[in-house]
Amino acid sequence: MIHRVMFFLLWFFVWLMLLWPPTMQYIVTGIFASLFVSFITVDIFRSVYSGSEEPGPKKTGRPAFPARLFWFLCYVFIFLWECIKANIDVAWRVLCPTLPIRPGTIRIRTKLRSDIGLTFLANSITLTPGTTTVDIDKPNGYIYVHVLSLKDGYEKEENRQVIVGRFERILERVFE
């Protein structure tokens, strides 16, 4: 029951932020819409986090929901910051044609194992301008990324982690 209340409050907050400033009509509509969406999504969300296909609460060794929610919010802000930086970098490369562009594909080892964690990581890389996820090799723990400007030394592990490391550490706390 507490999950349903938390989801209702989350969706209602999102509704109000999207339709700011609130009026009585928006508030009443938002209550019904938030109730409907939280009723539909809470079981899906709990089944994803329990690692099971069956809806409902499960006992796992993972952190509690509030801690995961906190790390997810941290991920959103870090993703937005990285996306802004990458947009500026790509725009600068377009405006200054003398900057080097050396496209290439690199293989990066990832610690993430869950489907949803790998999906978030791949989408984070792809949505950040200048990089695109090409393939995920889940059994071997690799992700293949196409980079707009391949720098020397990308074959070293510490340099490859520049691409996934910024997202992987937080996504591991959220989804693993």
C-alpha atoms as a PDB file:
ATOM      1  CA  MET A   1       0.000   0.000   0.000  1.00  0.00           C
ATOM      2  CA  ILE A   2       2.847   2.380   0.805  1.00  0.00           C
ATOM      3  CA  HIS A   3       4.231   1.882  -2.723  1.00  0.00           C
ATOM      4  CA  ARG A   4       0.914   2.944  -4.225  1.00  0.00           C
ATOM      5  CA  VAL A   5       0.845   6.106  -2.111  1.00  0.00           C
ATOM      6  CA  MET A   6       4.454   6.937  -3.029  1.00  0.00           C
ATOM      7  CA  PHE A   7       3.744   6.381  -6.714  1.00  0.00           C
ATOM      8  CA  PHE A   8       0.605   8.488  -6.526  1.00  0.00           C
ATOM      9  CA  LEU A   9       2.554  11.346  -4.950  1.00  0.00           C
ATOM     10  CA  LEU A  10       5.354  10.998  -7.500  1.00  0.00           C
ATOM     11  CA  TRP A  11       3.013  11.035 -10.495  1.00  0.00           C
ATOM     12  CA  PHE A  12       0.909  13.853  -9.023  1.00  0.00           C
ATOM     13  CA  PHE A  13       4.060  15.944  -8.485  1.00  0.00           C
ATOM     14  CA  VAL A  14       5.140  15.325 -12.095  1.00  0.00           C
ATOM     15  CA  TRP A  15       1.643  16.257 -13.281  1.00  0.00           C
ATOM     16  CA  LEU A  16       1.693  19.537 -11.368  1.00  0.00           C
ATOM     17  CA  MET A  17       5.165  20.441 -12.599  1.00  0.00           C
ATOM     18  CA  LEU A  18       4.150  19.838 -16.208  1.00  0.00           C
ATOM     19  CA  LEU A  19       0.979  21.937 -15.908  1.00  0.00           C
ATOM     20  CA  TRP A  20       2.225  24.774 -13.751  1.00  0.00           C
ATOM     21  CA  PRO A  21       0.564  27.011 -12.479  1.00  0.00           C
ATOM     22  CA  PRO A  22      -2.002  24.691 -10.939  1.00  0.00           C
ATOM     23  CA  THR A  23      -5.695  25.450 -11.227  1.00  0.00           C
ATOM     24  CA  MET A  24      -8.545  23.545  -9.635  1.00  0.00           C
ATOM     25  CA  GLN A  25      -9.299  21.811 -12.953  1.00  0.00           C
ATOM     26  CA  TYR A  26      -5.675  20.650 -13.305  1.00  0.00           C
ATOM     27  CA  ILE A  27      -5.542  19.453  -9.696  1.00  0.00           C
ATOM     28  CA  VAL A  28      -8.728  17.376  -9.976  1.00  0.00           C
ATOM     29  CA  THR A  29      -7.684  15.919 -13.326  1.00  0.00           C
ATOM     30  CA  GLY A  30      -4.201  15.268 -11.950  1.00  0.00           C
ATOM     31  CA  ILE A  31      -5.588  13.350  -8.983  1.00  0.00           C
ATOM     32  CA  PHE A  32      -7.534  11.004 -11.246  1.00  0.00           C
ATOM     33  CA  ALA A  33      -4.702  10.637 -13.749  1.00  0.00           C
ATOM     34  CA  SER A  34      -2.144   9.999 -10.987  1.00  0.00           C
ATOM     35  CA  LEU A  35      -4.370   7.416  -9.320  1.00  0.00           C
ATOM     36  CA  PHE A  36      -4.820   5.615 -12.625  1.00  0.00           C
ATOM     37  CA  VAL A  37      -1.134   5.682 -13.569  1.00  0.00           C
ATOM     38  CA  SER A  38       0.054   4.652 -10.098  1.00  0.00           C
ATOM     39  CA  PHE A  39      -2.451   1.784 -10.045  1.00  0.00           C
ATOM     40  CA  ILE A  40      -1.127   0.514 -13.381  1.00  0.00           C
ATOM     41  CA  THR A  41       2.611   1.023 -12.849  1.00  0.00           C
ATOM     42  CA  VAL A  42       3.274   0.048  -9.239  1.00  0.00           C
ATOM     43  CA  ASP A  43       3.128  -3.715  -9.880  1.00  0.00           C
ATOM     44  CA  ILE A  44       5.313  -3.417 -12.948  1.00  0.00           C
ATOM     45  CA  PHE A  45       7.833  -1.342 -11.020  1.00  0.00           C
ATOM     46  CA  ARG A  46       7.921  -3.758  -8.081  1.00  0.00           C
ATOM     47  CA  SER A  47       8.374  -6.766 -10.377  1.00  0.00           C
ATOM     48  CA  VAL A  48      11.295  -5.063 -12.134  1.00  0.00           C
ATOM     49  CA  TYR A  49      12.997  -4.304  -8.844  1.00  0.00           C
ATOM     50  CA  SER A  50      12.357  -7.723  -7.347  1.00  0.00           C
ATOM     51  CA  GLY A  51      14.056  -9.445 -10.285  1.00  0.00           C
ATOM     52  CA  SER A  52      10.986 -11.591 -10.870  1.00  0.00           C
ATOM     53  CA  GLU A  53       8.358 -11.684 -13.559  1.00  0.00           C
ATOM     54  CA  GLU A  54       5.606 -11.984 -10.941  1.00  0.00           C
ATOM     55  CA  PRO A  55       4.165  -8.707  -9.670  1.00  0.00           C
ATOM     56  CA  GLY A  56       4.324  -8.038  -5.958  1.00  0.00           C
ATOM     57  CA  PRO A  57       6.822  -7.492  -3.193  1.00  0.00           C
ATOM     58  CA  LYS A  58       9.807  -9.806  -2.966  1.00  0.00           C
ATOM     59  CA  LYS A  59      12.593 -10.088  -0.424  1.00  0.00           C
ATOM     60  CA  THR A  60      15.936  -9.314  -2.025  1.00  0.00           C
ATOM     61  CA  GLY A  61      19.301  -8.157  -0.770  1.00  0.00           C
ATOM     62  CA  ARG A  62      18.989  -4.871  -2.640  1.00  0.00           C
ATOM     63  CA  PRO A  63      18.663  -1.461  -0.990  1.00  0.00           C
ATOM     64  CA  ALA A  64      15.237  -0.186  -0.026  1.00  0.00           C
ATOM     65  CA  PHE A  65      13.049   1.778  -2.401  1.00  0.00           C
ATOM     66  CA  PRO A  66      13.827   5.275  -0.969  1.00  0.00           C
ATOM     67  CA  ALA A  67      17.577   4.770  -1.388  1.00  0.00           C
ATOM     68  CA  ARG A  68      17.114   3.567  -4.969  1.00  0.00           C
ATOM     69  CA  LEU A  69      14.830   6.498  -5.710  1.00  0.00           C
ATOM     70  CA  PHE A  70      17.452   8.901  -4.333  1.00  0.00           C
ATOM     71  CA  TRP A  71      20.147   7.399  -6.577  1.00  0.00           C
ATOM     72  CA  PHE A  72      17.790   7.489  -9.569  1.00  0.00           C
ATOM     73  CA  LEU A  73      17.239  11.218  -9.022  1.00  0.00           C
ATOM     74  CA  CYS A  74      21.028  11.658  -8.798  1.00  0.00           C
ATOM     75  CA  TYR A  75      21.313   9.759 -12.089  1.00  0.00           C
ATOM     76  CA  VAL A  76      18.805  12.095 -13.768  1.00  0.00           C
ATOM     77  CA  PHE A  77      20.797  15.190 -12.787  1.00  0.00           C
ATOM     78  CA  ILE A  78      24.125  13.641 -13.804  1.00  0.00           C
ATOM     79  CA  PHE A  79      22.639  12.508 -17.113  1.00  0.00           C
ATOM     80  CA  LEU A  80      21.314  16.010 -17.832  1.00  0.00           C
ATOM     81  CA  TRP A  81      24.694  17.554 -16.974  1.00  0.00           C
ATOM     82  CA  GLU A  82      26.592  15.089 -19.171  1.00  0.00           C
ATOM     83  CA  CYS A  83      24.098  15.641 -21.992  1.00  0.00           C
ATOM     84  CA  ILE A  84      24.591  19.421 -21.823  1.00  0.00           C
ATOM     85  CA  LYS A  85      28.387  19.030 -21.871  1.00  0.00           C
ATOM     86  CA  ALA A  86      28.223  16.627 -24.829  1.00  0.00           C
ATOM     87  CA  ASN A  87      25.876  18.945 -26.748  1.00  0.00           C
ATOM     88  CA  ILE A  88      28.318  21.818 -26.309  1.00  0.00           C
ATOM     89  CA  ASP A  89      31.229  19.610 -27.407  1.00  0.00           C
ATOM     90  CA  VAL A  90      29.451  18.413 -30.562  1.00  0.00           C
ATOM     91  CA  ALA A  91      28.238  21.938 -31.409  1.00  0.00           C
ATOM     92  CA  TRP A  92      31.793  23.241 -30.957  1.00  0.00           C
ATOM     93  CA  ARG A  93      33.113  20.553 -33.322  1.00  0.00           C
ATOM     94  CA  VAL A  94      30.525  21.574 -35.912  1.00  0.00           C
ATOM     95  CA  LEU A  95      31.345  25.268 -35.618  1.00  0.00           C
ATOM     96  CA  CYS A  96      35.131  24.702 -35.646  1.00  0.00           C
ATOM     97  CA  PRO A  97      35.905  22.321 -38.494  1.00  0.00           C
ATOM     98  CA  THR A  98      39.589  22.243 -37.550  1.00  0.00           C
ATOM     99  CA  LEU A  99      38.818  20.141 -34.466  1.00  0.00           C
ATOM    100  CA  PRO A 100      39.583  16.474 -35.062  1.00  0.00           C
ATOM    101  CA  ILE A 101      36.799  14.005 -35.682  1.00  0.00           C
ATOM    102  CA  ARG A 102      38.008  10.411 -35.614  1.00  0.00           C
ATOM    103  CA  PRO A 103      35.008   8.080 -35.490  1.00  0.00           C
ATOM    104  CA  GLY A 104      35.510   4.616 -34.126  1.00  0.00           C
ATOM    105  CA  THR A 105      33.920   1.793 -32.168  1.00  0.00           C
ATOM    106  CA  ILE A 106      35.270   0.604 -28.835  1.00  0.00           C
ATOM    107  CA  ARG A 107      34.449  -2.331 -26.574  1.00  0.00           C
ATOM    108  CA  ILE A 108      33.811  -1.511 -22.919  1.00  0.00           C
ATOM    109  CA  ARG A 109      33.420  -3.954 -20.043  1.00  0.00           C
ATOM    110  CA  THR A 110      30.442  -3.207 -17.805  1.00  0.00           C
ATOM    111  CA  LYS A 111      29.534  -4.431 -14.332  1.00  0.00           C
ATOM    112  CA  LEU A 112      25.798  -4.161 -14.958  1.00  0.00           C
ATOM    113  CA  ARG A 113      23.995  -7.482 -15.454  1.00  0.00           C
ATOM    114  CA  SER A 114      20.267  -6.741 -15.256  1.00  0.00           C
ATOM    115  CA  ASP A 115      18.346  -6.085 -18.450  1.00  0.00           C
ATOM    116  CA  ILE A 116      16.938  -2.800 -17.209  1.00  0.00           C
ATOM    117  CA  GLY A 117      20.348  -1.613 -15.974  1.00  0.00           C
ATOM    118  CA  LEU A 118      21.972  -2.396 -19.327  1.00  0.00           C
ATOM    119  CA  THR A 119      19.096  -0.722 -21.159  1.00  0.00           C
ATOM    120  CA  PHE A 120      19.439   2.452 -19.100  1.00  0.00           C
ATOM    121  CA  LEU A 121      23.209   2.468 -19.651  1.00  0.00           C
ATOM    122  CA  ALA A 122      22.875   1.928 -23.400  1.00  0.00           C
ATOM    123  CA  ASN A 123      20.204   4.618 -23.716  1.00  0.00           C
ATOM    124  CA  SER A 124      22.240   7.044 -21.601  1.00  0.00           C
ATOM    125  CA  ILE A 125      25.224   6.586 -23.889  1.00  0.00           C
ATOM    126  CA  THR A 126      23.127   6.890 -27.038  1.00  0.00           C
ATOM    127  CA  LEU A 127      21.197   9.949 -25.859  1.00  0.00           C
ATOM    128  CA  THR A 128      24.450  11.731 -25.031  1.00  0.00           C
ATOM    129  CA  PRO A 129      25.584  13.393 -28.286  1.00  0.00           C
ATOM    130  CA  GLY A 130      28.814  12.082 -29.768  1.00  0.00           C
ATOM    131  CA  THR A 131      28.352   8.467 -28.642  1.00  0.00           C
ATOM    132  CA  THR A 132      26.042   5.679 -29.763  1.00  0.00           C
ATOM    133  CA  THR A 133      25.579   2.210 -28.318  1.00  0.00           C
ATOM    134  CA  VAL A 134      26.006  -0.298 -31.136  1.00  0.00           C
ATOM    135  CA  ASP A 135      25.640  -3.634 -29.352  1.00  0.00           C
ATOM    136  CA  ILE A 136      25.412  -5.235 -25.932  1.00  0.00           C
ATOM    137  CA  ASP A 137      27.139  -8.559 -25.269  1.00  0.00           C
ATOM    138  CA  LYS A 138      25.373  -9.480 -22.018  1.00  0.00           C
ATOM    139  CA  PRO A 139      26.932 -12.954 -21.459  1.00  0.00           C
ATOM    140  CA  ASN A 140      30.476 -11.574 -21.668  1.00  0.00           C
ATOM    141  CA  GLY A 141      29.683  -8.214 -20.010  1.00  0.00           C
ATOM    142  CA  TYR A 142      30.646  -5.927 -22.898  1.00  0.00           C
ATOM    143  CA  ILE A 143      28.978  -2.961 -24.509  1.00  0.00           C
ATOM    144  CA  TYR A 144      30.092  -1.673 -27.929  1.00  0.00           C
ATOM    145  CA  VAL A 145      30.033   2.100 -28.359  1.00  0.00           C
ATOM    146  CA  HIS A 146      30.596   4.223 -31.454  1.00  0.00           C
ATOM    147  CA  VAL A 147      32.446   7.424 -30.567  1.00  0.00           C
ATOM    148  CA  LEU A 148      32.477  10.589 -32.694  1.00  0.00           C
ATOM    149  CA  SER A 149      35.988  11.581 -31.723  1.00  0.00           C
ATOM    150  CA  LEU A 150      38.155   8.625 -30.772  1.00  0.00           C
ATOM    151  CA  LYS A 151      41.070   9.807 -28.670  1.00  0.00           C
ATOM    152  CA  ASP A 152      44.430   8.089 -28.475  1.00  0.00           C
ATOM    153  CA  GLY A 153      44.623   5.616 -25.647  1.00  0.00           C
ATOM    154  CA  TYR A 154      40.982   4.565 -25.665  1.00  0.00           C
ATOM    155  CA  GLU A 155      42.163   0.984 -25.542  1.00  0.00           C
ATOM    156  CA  LYS A 156      43.211   1.498 -21.922  1.00  0.00           C
ATOM    157  CA  GLU A 157      40.555   0.572 -19.362  1.00  0.00           C
ATOM    158  CA  GLU A 158      40.685   3.864 -17.439  1.00  0.00           C
ATOM    159  CA  ASN A 159      40.082   5.881 -20.617  1.00  0.00           C
ATOM    160  CA  ARG A 160      37.187   3.680 -21.756  1.00  0.00           C
ATOM    161  CA  GLN A 161      35.472   4.125 -18.392  1.00  0.00           C
ATOM    162  CA  VAL A 162      35.157   7.845 -19.139  1.00  0.00           C
ATOM    163  CA  ILE A 163      32.252   6.920 -21.401  1.00  0.00           C
ATOM    164  CA  VAL A 164      30.324   4.502 -19.157  1.00  0.00           C
ATOM    165  CA  GLY A 165      31.802   5.239 -15.747  1.00  0.00           C
ATOM    166  CA  ARG A 166      29.798   8.402 -15.229  1.00  0.00           C
ATOM    167  CA  PHE A 167      26.517   6.464 -15.518  1.00  0.00           C
ATOM    168  CA  GLU A 168      27.491   2.932 -14.505  1.00  0.00           C
ATOM    169  CA  ARG A 169      28.323   3.647 -10.849  1.00  0.00           C
ATOM    170  CA  ILE A 170      24.930   5.211 -10.184  1.00  0.00           C
ATOM    171  CA  LEU A 171      22.915   2.768 -12.296  1.00  0.00           C
ATOM    172  CA  GLU A 172      24.538  -0.059 -10.357  1.00  0.00           C
ATOM    173  CA  ARG A 173      23.108   1.385  -7.128  1.00  0.00           C
ATOM    174  CA  VAL A 174      19.681   1.770  -8.705  1.00  0.00           C
ATOM    175  CA  PHE A 175      19.203  -1.473 -10.633  1.00  0.00           C
ATOM    176  CA  GLU A 176      21.660  -4.089  -9.348  1.00  0.00           C
END
